Amino acid sequence: MFGLGVPEILIIAVIILLIFGAKRIPSIGAGLGQTVKEIGKIKKDLSGDKEPSKETGANEASEAKSESLEGKVAASLQKKVTDKVLGQVPGIKQAKQIKDKADKIKKIVS
């Protein structure tokens, strides 16, 4: 594992314990676990959307699929991050609602 042995891992663990303290380490672990779980969900969603190309000479089709796949990945990540932020940061949800209303008014006036 990256050339790290048991002594190096123990030293890193002690440093982390000293920096964050024993009370915050479980919450940090839970946050990391949720992040890994979200990445797994995104990977699963993307692998379900991807269809293998049966033609070997279809470079244009495969390029279009990869571009659309990248767009789907970006949109999926953006939506998940936005939902997380809206749920965790107080006041952001109200600010987003106000911005959406302002955009609608701007669209009507234009």
PDB file of N, CA and C in Angstrom:
ATOM      1  N   MET A   1       0.858  -1.188   0.000  1.00  0.00           N
ATOM      2  CA  MET A   1       0.000   0.000   0.000  1.00  0.00           C
ATOM      3  C   MET A   1       0.885   1.226   0.000  1.00  0.00           C
ATOM      4  N   PHE A   2       1.302   1.675  -1.168  1.00  0.00           N
ATOM      5  CA  PHE A   2       2.103   2.873  -1.359  1.00  0.00           C
ATOM      6  C   PHE A   2       3.422   2.819  -0.594  1.00  0.00           C
ATOM      7  N   GLY A   3       3.923   1.641  -0.278  1.00  0.00           N
ATOM      8  CA  GLY A   3       5.185   1.497   0.414  1.00  0.00           C
ATOM      9  C   GLY A   3       5.127   1.890   1.884  1.00  0.00           C
ATOM     10  N   LEU A   4       3.939   1.979   2.454  1.00  0.00           N
ATOM     11  CA  LEU A   4       3.806   2.319   3.868  1.00  0.00           C
ATOM     12  C   LEU A   4       3.775   1.044   4.690  1.00  0.00           C
ATOM     13  N   GLY A   5       4.603   1.020   5.706  1.00  0.00           N
ATOM     14  CA  GLY A   5       4.606  -0.123   6.606  1.00  0.00           C
ATOM     15  C   GLY A   5       3.803   0.190   7.858  1.00  0.00           C
ATOM     16  N   VAL A   6       3.786  -0.737   8.778  1.00  0.00           N
ATOM     17  CA  VAL A   6       3.040  -0.570  10.025  1.00  0.00           C
ATOM     18  C   VAL A   6       3.554   0.620  10.836  1.00  0.00           C
ATOM     19  N   PRO A   7       4.877   0.810  10.974  1.00  0.00           N
ATOM     20  CA  PRO A   7       5.342   1.968  11.764  1.00  0.00           C
ATOM     21  C   PRO A   7       4.902   3.313  11.178  1.00  0.00           C
ATOM     22  N   GLU A   8       4.955   3.426   9.847  1.00  0.00           N
ATOM     23  CA  GLU A   8       4.553   4.685   9.220  1.00  0.00           C
ATOM     24  C   GLU A   8       3.069   4.958   9.426  1.00  0.00           C
ATOM     25  N   ILE A   9       2.266   3.917   9.300  1.00  0.00           N
ATOM     26  CA  ILE A   9       0.820   4.077   9.494  1.00  0.00           C
ATOM     27  C   ILE A   9       0.523   4.455  10.941  1.00  0.00           C
ATOM     28  N   LEU A  10       1.231   3.862  11.903  1.00  0.00           N
ATOM     29  CA  LEU A  10       1.033   4.217  13.313  1.00  0.00           C
ATOM     30  C   LEU A  10       1.417   5.669  13.586  1.00  0.00           C
ATOM     31  N   ILE A  11       2.507   6.120  12.984  1.00  0.00           N
ATOM     32  CA  ILE A  11       2.924   7.514  13.166  1.00  0.00           C
ATOM     33  C   ILE A  11       1.874   8.456  12.591  1.00  0.00           C
ATOM     34  N   ILE A  12       1.360   8.146  11.415  1.00  0.00           N
ATOM     35  CA  ILE A  12       0.312   8.965  10.795  1.00  0.00           C
ATOM     36  C   ILE A  12      -0.931   8.974  11.679  1.00  0.00           C
ATOM     37  N   ALA A  13      -1.300   7.823  12.234  1.00  0.00           N
ATOM     38  CA  ALA A  13      -2.485   7.741  13.100  1.00  0.00           C
ATOM     39  C   ALA A  13      -2.301   8.588  14.360  1.00  0.00           C
ATOM     40  N   VAL A  14      -1.114   8.565  14.949  1.00  0.00           N
ATOM     41  CA  VAL A  14      -0.848   9.370  16.149  1.00  0.00           C
ATOM     42  C   VAL A  14      -0.919  10.860  15.821  1.00  0.00           C
ATOM     43  N   ILE A  15      -0.368  11.250  14.674  1.00  0.00           N
ATOM     44  CA  ILE A  15      -0.421  12.659  14.267  1.00  0.00           C
ATOM     45  C   ILE A  15      -1.864  13.097  14.055  1.00  0.00           C
ATOM     46  N   ILE A  16      -2.652  12.264  13.401  1.00  0.00           N
ATOM     47  CA  ILE A  16      -4.068  12.590  13.189  1.00  0.00           C
ATOM     48  C   ILE A  16      -4.793  12.702  14.520  1.00  0.00           C
ATOM     49  N   LEU A  17      -4.495  11.811  15.437  1.00  0.00           N
ATOM     50  CA  LEU A  17      -5.109  11.854  16.762  1.00  0.00           C
ATOM     51  C   LEU A  17      -4.752  13.146  17.488  1.00  0.00           C
ATOM     52  N   LEU A  18      -3.497  13.560  17.392  1.00  0.00           N
ATOM     53  CA  LEU A  18      -3.075  14.793  18.047  1.00  0.00           C
ATOM     54  C   LEU A  18      -3.691  16.040  17.405  1.00  0.00           C
ATOM     55  N   ILE A  19      -3.811  16.023  16.084  1.00  0.00           N
ATOM     56  CA  ILE A  19      -4.347  17.197  15.386  1.00  0.00           C
ATOM     57  C   ILE A  19      -5.845  17.342  15.626  1.00  0.00           C
ATOM     58  N   PHE A  20      -6.605  16.274  15.426  1.00  0.00           N
ATOM     59  CA  PHE A  20      -8.064  16.378  15.470  1.00  0.00           C
ATOM     60  C   PHE A  20      -8.662  16.041  16.831  1.00  0.00           C
ATOM     61  N   GLY A  21      -8.009  15.258  17.625  1.00  0.00           N
ATOM     62  CA  GLY A  21      -8.554  14.872  18.915  1.00  0.00           C
ATOM     63  C   GLY A  21      -9.440  13.643  18.789  1.00  0.00           C
ATOM     64  N   ALA A  22      -9.597  12.960  19.915  1.00  0.00           N
ATOM     65  CA  ALA A  22     -10.340  11.700  19.915  1.00  0.00           C
ATOM     66  C   ALA A  22     -11.823  11.898  19.666  1.00  0.00           C
ATOM     67  N   LYS A  23     -12.367  13.058  19.992  1.00  0.00           N
ATOM     68  CA  LYS A  23     -13.808  13.288  19.829  1.00  0.00           C
ATOM     69  C   LYS A  23     -14.207  13.496  18.373  1.00  0.00           C
ATOM     70  N   ARG A  24     -13.322  14.079  17.566  1.00  0.00           N
ATOM     71  CA  ARG A  24     -13.683  14.391  16.179  1.00  0.00           C
ATOM     72  C   ARG A  24     -13.366  13.268  15.202  1.00  0.00           C
ATOM     73  N   ILE A  25     -12.536  12.328  15.581  1.00  0.00           N
ATOM     74  CA  ILE A  25     -12.139  11.266  14.658  1.00  0.00           C
ATOM     75  C   ILE A  25     -13.332  10.417  14.192  1.00  0.00           C
ATOM     76  N   PRO A  26     -14.289  10.039  15.061  1.00  0.00           N
ATOM     77  CA  PRO A  26     -15.440   9.276  14.548  1.00  0.00           C
ATOM     78  C   PRO A  26     -16.273  10.051  13.523  1.00  0.00           C
ATOM     79  N   SER A  27     -16.444  11.351  13.723  1.00  0.00           N
ATOM     80  CA  SER A  27     -17.218  12.132  12.752  1.00  0.00           C
ATOM     81  C   SER A  27     -16.460  12.260  11.429  1.00  0.00           C
ATOM     82  N   ILE A  28     -15.148  12.368  11.510  1.00  0.00           N
ATOM     83  CA  ILE A  28     -14.343  12.420  10.286  1.00  0.00           C
ATOM     84  C   ILE A  28     -14.453  11.089   9.546  1.00  0.00           C
ATOM     85  N   GLY A  29     -14.395   9.991  10.278  1.00  0.00           N
ATOM     86  CA  GLY A  29     -14.539   8.669   9.662  1.00  0.00           C
ATOM     87  C   GLY A  29     -15.904   8.486   9.022  1.00  0.00           C
ATOM     88  N   ALA A  30     -16.940   8.977   9.707  1.00  0.00           N
ATOM     89  CA  ALA A  30     -18.292   8.876   9.144  1.00  0.00           C
ATOM     90  C   ALA A  30     -18.402   9.702   7.868  1.00  0.00           C
ATOM     91  N   GLY A  31     -17.816  10.883   7.866  1.00  0.00           N
ATOM     92  CA  GLY A  31     -17.836  11.719   6.662  1.00  0.00           C
ATOM     93  C   GLY A  31     -17.110  11.074   5.508  1.00  0.00           C
ATOM     94  N   LEU A  32     -15.956  10.475   5.796  1.00  0.00           N
ATOM     95  CA  LEU A  32     -15.215   9.773   4.746  1.00  0.00           C
ATOM     96  C   LEU A  32     -16.002   8.572   4.229  1.00  0.00           C
ATOM     97  N   GLY A  33     -16.668   7.866   5.145  1.00  0.00           N
ATOM     98  CA  GLY A  33     -17.483   6.722   4.728  1.00  0.00           C
ATOM     99  C   GLY A  33     -18.629   7.139   3.820  1.00  0.00           C
ATOM    100  N   GLN A  34     -19.287   8.250   4.150  1.00  0.00           N
ATOM    101  CA  GLN A  34     -20.370   8.749   3.305  1.00  0.00           C
ATOM    102  C   GLN A  34     -19.846   9.175   1.946  1.00  0.00           C
ATOM    103  N   THR A  35     -18.667   9.787   1.926  1.00  0.00           N
ATOM    104  CA  THR A  35     -18.076  10.200   0.657  1.00  0.00           C
ATOM    105  C   THR A  35     -17.784   8.992  -0.224  1.00  0.00           C
ATOM    106  N   VAL A  36     -17.209   7.949   0.362  1.00  0.00           N
ATOM    107  CA  VAL A  36     -16.910   6.733  -0.399  1.00  0.00           C
ATOM    108  C   VAL A  36     -18.199   6.099  -0.905  1.00  0.00           C
ATOM    109  N   LYS A  37     -19.234   6.111  -0.061  1.00  0.00           N
ATOM    110  CA  LYS A  37     -20.519   5.541  -0.466  1.00  0.00           C
ATOM    111  C   LYS A  37     -21.122   6.332  -1.634  1.00  0.00           C
ATOM    112  N   GLU A  38     -21.058   7.672  -1.589  1.00  0.00           N
ATOM    113  CA  GLU A  38     -21.576   8.508  -2.674  1.00  0.00           C
ATOM    114  C   GLU A  38     -20.812   8.259  -3.967  1.00  0.00           C
ATOM    115  N   ILE A  39     -19.495   8.133  -3.865  1.00  0.00           N
ATOM    116  CA  ILE A  39     -18.695   7.857  -5.059  1.00  0.00           C
ATOM    117  C   ILE A  39     -19.073   6.503  -5.646  1.00  0.00           C
ATOM    118  N   GLY A  40     -19.316   5.528  -4.778  1.00  0.00           N
ATOM    119  CA  GLY A  40     -19.756   4.216  -5.257  1.00  0.00           C
ATOM    120  C   GLY A  40     -21.108   4.284  -5.963  1.00  0.00           C
ATOM    121  N   LYS A  41     -22.031   5.087  -5.409  1.00  0.00           N
ATOM    122  CA  LYS A  41     -23.339   5.252  -6.048  1.00  0.00           C
ATOM    123  C   LYS A  41     -23.197   5.906  -7.415  1.00  0.00           C
ATOM    124  N   ILE A  42     -22.360   6.937  -7.496  1.00  0.00           N
ATOM    125  CA  ILE A  42     -22.154   7.622  -8.774  1.00  0.00           C
ATOM    126  C   ILE A  42     -21.551   6.661  -9.788  1.00  0.00           C
ATOM    127  N   LYS A  43     -20.567   5.879  -9.354  1.00  0.00           N
ATOM    128  CA  LYS A  43     -19.939   4.907 -10.244  1.00  0.00           C
ATOM    129  C   LYS A  43     -20.957   3.882 -10.729  1.00  0.00           C
ATOM    130  N   LYS A  44     -21.820   3.443  -9.833  1.00  0.00           N
ATOM    131  CA  LYS A  44     -22.851   2.465 -10.193  1.00  0.00           C
ATOM    132  C   LYS A  44     -23.842   3.072 -11.181  1.00  0.00           C
ATOM    133  N   ASP A  45     -24.250   4.326 -10.946  1.00  0.00           N
ATOM    134  CA  ASP A  45     -25.169   5.002 -11.861  1.00  0.00           C
ATOM    135  C   ASP A  45     -24.552   5.149 -13.244  1.00  0.00           C
ATOM    136  N   LEU A  46     -23.283   5.517 -13.283  1.00  0.00           N
ATOM    137  CA  LEU A  46     -22.620   5.717 -14.569  1.00  0.00           C
ATOM    138  C   LEU A  46     -22.417   4.409 -15.304  1.00  0.00           C
ATOM    139  N   SER A  47     -22.086   3.348 -14.598  1.00  0.00           N
ATOM    140  CA  SER A  47     -21.891   2.074 -15.276  1.00  0.00           C
ATOM    141  C   SER A  47     -23.223   1.526 -15.784  1.00  0.00           C
ATOM    142  N   GLY A  48     -24.327   1.878 -15.172  1.00  0.00           N
ATOM    143  CA  GLY A  48     -25.646   1.472 -15.647  1.00  0.00           C
ATOM    144  C   GLY A  48     -26.059   2.232 -16.891  1.00  0.00           C
ATOM    145  N   ASP A  49     -25.601   3.499 -17.010  1.00  0.00           N
ATOM    146  CA  ASP A  49     -25.942   4.328 -18.160  1.00  0.00           C
ATOM    147  C   ASP A  49     -25.107   3.985 -19.388  1.00  0.00           C
ATOM    148  N   LYS A  50     -23.897   3.492 -19.171  1.00  0.00           N
ATOM    149  CA  LYS A  50     -22.988   3.246 -20.276  1.00  0.00           C
ATOM    150  C   LYS A  50     -23.370   1.961 -21.002  1.00  0.00           C
ATOM    151  N   GLU A  51     -23.494   2.056 -22.330  1.00  0.00           N
ATOM    152  CA  GLU A  51     -23.774   0.890 -23.150  1.00  0.00           C
ATOM    153  C   GLU A  51     -22.562   0.624 -24.027  1.00  0.00           C
ATOM    154  N   PRO A  52     -22.049  -0.596 -24.040  1.00  0.00           N
ATOM    155  CA  PRO A  52     -20.867  -0.876 -24.862  1.00  0.00           C
ATOM    156  C   PRO A  52     -21.186  -0.781 -26.350  1.00  0.00           C
ATOM    157  N   SER A  53     -20.258  -0.242 -27.099  1.00  0.00           N
ATOM    158  CA  SER A  53     -20.419  -0.099 -28.539  1.00  0.00           C
ATOM    159  C   SER A  53     -20.108  -1.417 -29.222  1.00  0.00           C
ATOM    160  N   LYS A  54     -20.985  -1.880 -30.114  1.00  0.00           N
ATOM    161  CA  LYS A  54     -20.790  -3.158 -30.791  1.00  0.00           C
ATOM    162  C   LYS A  54     -19.944  -2.995 -32.054  1.00  0.00           C
ATOM    163  N   GLU A  55     -19.922  -1.788 -32.631  1.00  0.00           N
ATOM    164  CA  GLU A  55     -19.158  -1.555 -33.844  1.00  0.00           C
ATOM    165  C   GLU A  55     -17.779  -1.036 -33.484  1.00  0.00           C
ATOM    166  N   THR A  56     -16.759  -1.600 -34.123  1.00  0.00           N
ATOM    167  CA  THR A  56     -15.396  -1.157 -33.838  1.00  0.00           C
ATOM    168  C   THR A  56     -15.045   0.087 -34.623  1.00  0.00           C
ATOM    169  N   GLY A  57     -15.654   0.333 -35.770  1.00  0.00           N
ATOM    170  CA  GLY A  57     -15.323   1.486 -36.607  1.00  0.00           C
ATOM    171  C   GLY A  57     -16.159   2.705 -36.309  1.00  0.00           C
ATOM    172  N   ALA A  58     -16.914   2.721 -35.254  1.00  0.00           N
ATOM    173  CA  ALA A  58     -17.802   3.846 -34.946  1.00  0.00           C
ATOM    174  C   ALA A  58     -17.115   4.821 -33.990  1.00  0.00           C
ATOM    175  N   ASN A  59     -16.056   5.482 -34.472  1.00  0.00           N
ATOM    176  CA  ASN A  59     -15.318   6.420 -33.630  1.00  0.00           C
ATOM    177  C   ASN A  59     -16.160   7.633 -33.266  1.00  0.00           C
ATOM    178  N   GLU A  60     -16.898   8.156 -34.235  1.00  0.00           N
ATOM    179  CA  GLU A  60     -17.711   9.343 -33.977  1.00  0.00           C
ATOM    180  C   GLU A  60     -18.798   9.048 -32.949  1.00  0.00           C
ATOM    181  N   ALA A  61     -19.417   7.901 -33.063  1.00  0.00           N
ATOM    182  CA  ALA A  61     -20.469   7.537 -32.113  1.00  0.00           C
ATOM    183  C   ALA A  61     -19.891   7.359 -30.722  1.00  0.00           C
ATOM    184  N   SER A  62     -18.730   6.733 -30.634  1.00  0.00           N
ATOM    185  CA  SER A  62     -18.124   6.533 -29.318  1.00  0.00           C
ATOM    186  C   SER A  62     -17.669   7.853 -28.718  1.00  0.00           C
ATOM    187  N   GLU A  63     -17.180   8.781 -29.558  1.00  0.00           N
ATOM    188  CA  GLU A  63     -16.793  10.104 -29.055  1.00  0.00           C
ATOM    189  C   GLU A  63     -18.018  10.863 -28.551  1.00  0.00           C
ATOM    190  N   ALA A  64     -19.107  10.774 -29.290  1.00  0.00           N
ATOM    191  CA  ALA A  64     -20.337  11.447 -28.857  1.00  0.00           C
ATOM    192  C   ALA A  64     -20.840  10.853 -27.548  1.00  0.00           C
ATOM    193  N   LYS A  65     -20.742   9.527 -27.428  1.00  0.00           N
ATOM    194  CA  LYS A  65     -21.171   8.876 -26.182  1.00  0.00           C
ATOM    195  C   LYS A  65     -20.294   9.294 -25.020  1.00  0.00           C
ATOM    196  N   SER A  66     -18.966   9.387 -25.260  1.00  0.00           N
ATOM    197  CA  SER A  66     -18.069   9.770 -24.169  1.00  0.00           C
ATOM    198  C   SER A  66     -18.312  11.213 -23.753  1.00  0.00           C
ATOM    199  N   GLU A  67     -18.605  12.102 -24.737  1.00  0.00           N
ATOM    200  CA  GLU A  67     -18.910  13.487 -24.394  1.00  0.00           C
ATOM    201  C   GLU A  67     -20.211  13.571 -23.608  1.00  0.00           C
ATOM    202  N   SER A  68     -21.220  12.812 -24.038  1.00  0.00           N
ATOM    203  CA  SER A  68     -22.475  12.842 -23.312  1.00  0.00           C
ATOM    204  C   SER A  68     -22.309  12.198 -21.938  1.00  0.00           C
ATOM    205  N   LEU A  69     -21.454  11.186 -21.843  1.00  0.00           N
ATOM    206  CA  LEU A  69     -21.188  10.547 -20.554  1.00  0.00           C
ATOM    207  C   LEU A  69     -20.501  11.527 -19.616  1.00  0.00           C
ATOM    208  N   GLU A  70     -19.538  12.294 -20.140  1.00  0.00           N
ATOM    209  CA  GLU A  70     -18.872  13.315 -19.322  1.00  0.00           C
ATOM    210  C   GLU A  70     -19.868  14.356 -18.857  1.00  0.00           C
ATOM    211  N   GLY A  71     -20.785  14.749 -19.747  1.00  0.00           N
ATOM    212  CA  GLY A  71     -21.807  15.709 -19.360  1.00  0.00           C
ATOM    213  C   GLY A  71     -22.721  15.153 -18.279  1.00  0.00           C
ATOM    214  N   LYS A  72     -23.061  13.868 -18.402  1.00  0.00           N
ATOM    215  CA  LYS A  72     -23.903  13.231 -17.389  1.00  0.00           C
ATOM    216  C   LYS A  72     -23.181  13.149 -16.054  1.00  0.00           C
ATOM    217  N   VAL A  73     -21.879  12.835 -16.106  1.00  0.00           N
ATOM    218  CA  VAL A  73     -21.085  12.754 -14.875  1.00  0.00           C
ATOM    219  C   VAL A  73     -21.054  14.115 -14.193  1.00  0.00           C
ATOM    220  N   ALA A  74     -20.768  15.154 -14.980  1.00  0.00           N
ATOM    221  CA  ALA A  74     -20.690  16.499 -14.410  1.00  0.00           C
ATOM    222  C   ALA A  74     -22.036  16.919 -13.832  1.00  0.00           C
ATOM    223  N   ALA A  75     -23.119  16.662 -14.561  1.00  0.00           N
ATOM    224  CA  ALA A  75     -24.446  17.040 -14.069  1.00  0.00           C
ATOM    225  C   ALA A  75     -24.806  16.256 -12.814  1.00  0.00           C
ATOM    226  N   SER A  76     -24.477  14.980 -12.793  1.00  0.00           N
ATOM    227  CA  SER A  76     -24.784  14.150 -11.636  1.00  0.00           C
ATOM    228  C   SER A  76     -24.014  14.619 -10.408  1.00  0.00           C
ATOM    229  N   LEU A  77     -22.719  14.874 -10.584  1.00  0.00           N
ATOM    230  CA  LEU A  77     -21.908  15.349  -9.464  1.00  0.00           C
ATOM    231  C   LEU A  77     -22.387  16.705  -8.973  1.00  0.00           C
ATOM    232  N   GLN A  78     -22.706  17.598  -9.922  1.00  0.00           N
ATOM    233  CA  GLN A  78     -23.168  18.927  -9.539  1.00  0.00           C
ATOM    234  C   GLN A  78     -24.478  18.841  -8.762  1.00  0.00           C
ATOM    235  N   LYS A  79     -25.396  17.996  -9.207  1.00  0.00           N
ATOM    236  CA  LYS A  79     -26.678  17.864  -8.521  1.00  0.00           C
ATOM    237  C   LYS A  79     -26.485  17.295  -7.114  1.00  0.00           C
ATOM    238  N   LYS A  80     -25.637  16.272  -6.985  1.00  0.00           N
ATOM    239  CA  LYS A  80     -25.424  15.663  -5.676  1.00  0.00           C
ATOM    240  C   LYS A  80     -24.745  16.630  -4.714  1.00  0.00           C
ATOM    241  N   VAL A  81     -23.766  17.379  -5.201  1.00  0.00           N
ATOM    242  CA  VAL A  81     -23.087  18.347  -4.338  1.00  0.00           C
ATOM    243  C   VAL A  81     -24.046  19.467  -3.949  1.00  0.00           C
ATOM    244  N   THR A  82     -24.842  19.939  -4.895  1.00  0.00           N
ATOM    245  CA  THR A  82     -25.812  20.991  -4.599  1.00  0.00           C
ATOM    246  C   THR A  82     -26.812  20.522  -3.552  1.00  0.00           C
ATOM    247  N   ASP A  83     -27.314  19.306  -3.705  1.00  0.00           N
ATOM    248  CA  ASP A  83     -28.262  18.776  -2.723  1.00  0.00           C
ATOM    249  C   ASP A  83     -27.630  18.660  -1.342  1.00  0.00           C
ATOM    250  N   LYS A  84     -26.369  18.209  -1.287  1.00  0.00           N
ATOM    251  CA  LYS A  84     -25.665  18.094  -0.003  1.00  0.00           C
ATOM    252  C   LYS A  84     -25.513  19.464   0.652  1.00  0.00           C
ATOM    253  N   VAL A  85     -25.093  20.455  -0.140  1.00  0.00           N
ATOM    254  CA  VAL A  85     -24.869  21.790   0.411  1.00  0.00           C
ATOM    255  C   VAL A  85     -26.188  22.389   0.877  1.00  0.00           C
ATOM    256  N   LEU A  86     -27.229  22.217   0.076  1.00  0.00           N
ATOM    257  CA  LEU A  86     -28.537  22.758   0.462  1.00  0.00           C
ATOM    258  C   LEU A  86     -29.030  22.141   1.757  1.00  0.00           C
ATOM    259  N   GLY A  87     -28.715  20.877   1.965  1.00  0.00           N
ATOM    260  CA  GLY A  87     -29.170  20.202   3.168  1.00  0.00           C
ATOM    261  C   GLY A  87     -28.347  20.519   4.394  1.00  0.00           C
ATOM    262  N   GLN A  88     -27.085  20.892   4.222  1.00  0.00           N
ATOM    263  CA  GLN A  88     -26.203  21.047   5.368  1.00  0.00           C
ATOM    264  C   GLN A  88     -25.958  22.494   5.784  1.00  0.00           C
ATOM    265  N   VAL A  89     -25.913  23.417   4.850  1.00  0.00           N
ATOM    266  CA  VAL A  89     -25.563  24.799   5.176  1.00  0.00           C
ATOM    267  C   VAL A  89     -26.838  25.605   5.376  1.00  0.00           C
ATOM    268  N   PRO A  90     -27.018  26.183   6.571  1.00  0.00           N
ATOM    269  CA  PRO A  90     -28.230  26.967   6.814  1.00  0.00           C
ATOM    270  C   PRO A  90     -28.224  28.253   5.988  1.00  0.00           C
ATOM    271  N   GLY A  91     -29.388  28.590   5.447  1.00  0.00           N
ATOM    272  CA  GLY A  91     -29.545  29.825   4.693  1.00  0.00           C
ATOM    273  C   GLY A  91     -29.316  29.672   3.207  1.00  0.00           C
ATOM    274  N   ILE A  92     -28.631  28.616   2.784  1.00  0.00           N
ATOM    275  CA  ILE A  92     -28.338  28.437   1.359  1.00  0.00           C
ATOM    276  C   ILE A  92     -29.610  28.132   0.581  1.00  0.00           C
ATOM    277  N   LYS A  93     -30.497  27.331   1.160  1.00  0.00           N
ATOM    278  CA  LYS A  93     -31.728  26.957   0.472  1.00  0.00           C
ATOM    279  C   LYS A  93     -32.573  28.202   0.182  1.00  0.00           C
ATOM    280  N   GLN A  94     -32.681  29.082   1.175  1.00  0.00           N
ATOM    281  CA  GLN A  94     -33.449  30.305   0.987  1.00  0.00           C
ATOM    282  C   GLN A  94     -32.782  31.206  -0.049  1.00  0.00           C
ATOM    283  N   ALA A  95     -31.457  31.290  -0.022  1.00  0.00           N
ATOM    284  CA  ALA A  95     -30.742  32.120  -0.993  1.00  0.00           C
ATOM    285  C   ALA A  95     -30.941  31.578  -2.407  1.00  0.00           C
ATOM    286  N   LYS A  96     -30.941  30.260  -2.561  1.00  0.00           N
ATOM    287  CA  LYS A  96     -31.157  29.666  -3.882  1.00  0.00           C
ATOM    288  C   LYS A  96     -32.571  29.954  -4.377  1.00  0.00           C
ATOM    289  N   GLN A  97     -33.557  29.880  -3.476  1.00  0.00           N
ATOM    290  CA  GLN A  97     -34.930  30.185  -3.864  1.00  0.00           C
ATOM    291  C   GLN A  97     -35.055  31.640  -4.315  1.00  0.00           C
ATOM    292  N   ILE A  98     -34.421  32.555  -3.592  1.00  0.00           N
ATOM    293  CA  ILE A  98     -34.460  33.971  -3.965  1.00  0.00           C
ATOM    294  C   ILE A  98     -33.786  34.177  -5.315  1.00  0.00           C
ATOM    295  N   LYS A  99     -32.640  33.511  -5.539  1.00  0.00           N
ATOM    296  CA  LYS A  99     -31.948  33.636  -6.819  1.00  0.00           C
ATOM    297  C   LYS A  99     -32.813  33.104  -7.959  1.00  0.00           C
ATOM    298  N   ASP A 100     -33.477  31.968  -7.747  1.00  0.00           N
ATOM    299  CA  ASP A 100     -34.348  31.408  -8.786  1.00  0.00           C
ATOM    300  C   ASP A 100     -35.494  32.362  -9.116  1.00  0.00           C
ATOM    301  N   LYS A 101     -36.101  32.973  -8.087  1.00  0.00           N
ATOM    302  CA  LYS A 101     -37.169  33.941  -8.322  1.00  0.00           C
ATOM    303  C   LYS A 101     -36.653  35.152  -9.084  1.00  0.00           C
ATOM    304  N   ALA A 102     -35.447  35.638  -8.713  1.00  0.00           N
ATOM    305  CA  ALA A 102     -34.861  36.772  -9.408  1.00  0.00           C
ATOM    306  C   ALA A 102     -34.583  36.435 -10.874  1.00  0.00           C
ATOM    307  N   ASP A 103     -34.113  35.221 -11.134  1.00  0.00           N
ATOM    308  CA  ASP A 103     -33.871  34.807 -12.513  1.00  0.00           C
ATOM    309  C   ASP A 103     -35.169  34.748 -13.311  1.00  0.00           C
ATOM    310  N   LYS A 104     -36.246  34.268 -12.695  1.00  0.00           N
ATOM    311  CA  LYS A 104     -37.544  34.229 -13.377  1.00  0.00           C
ATOM    312  C   LYS A 104     -38.015  35.631 -13.706  1.00  0.00           C
ATOM    313  N   ILE A 105     -37.871  36.550 -12.748  1.00  0.00           N
ATOM    314  CA  ILE A 105     -38.290  37.936 -12.977  1.00  0.00           C
ATOM    315  C   ILE A 105     -37.447  38.558 -14.077  1.00  0.00           C
ATOM    316  N   LYS A 106     -36.154  38.301 -14.052  1.00  0.00           N
ATOM    317  CA  LYS A 106     -35.251  38.823 -15.082  1.00  0.00           C
ATOM    318  C   LYS A 106     -35.647  38.303 -16.455  1.00  0.00           C
ATOM    319  N   LYS A 107     -36.023  37.040 -16.520  1.00  0.00           N
ATOM    320  CA  LYS A 107     -36.441  36.424 -17.778  1.00  0.00           C
ATOM    321  C   LYS A 107     -37.730  37.056 -18.301  1.00  0.00           C
ATOM    322  N   ILE A 108     -38.657  37.339 -17.393  1.00  0.00           N
ATOM    323  CA  ILE A 108     -39.933  37.951 -17.784  1.00  0.00           C
ATOM    324  C   ILE A 108     -39.712  39.368 -18.277  1.00  0.00           C
ATOM    325  N   VAL A 109     -38.858  40.124 -17.605  1.00  0.00           N
ATOM    326  CA  VAL A 109     -38.601  41.525 -17.958  1.00  0.00           C
ATOM    327  C   VAL A 109     -37.859  41.610 -19.290  1.00  0.00           C
ATOM    328  N   SER A 110     -36.978  40.667 -19.554  1.00  0.00           N
ATOM    329  CA  SER A 110     -36.158  40.738 -20.786  1.00  0.00           C
ATOM    330  C   SER A 110     -36.953  40.493 -22.022  1.00  0.00           C
TER     331      SER A 110
END
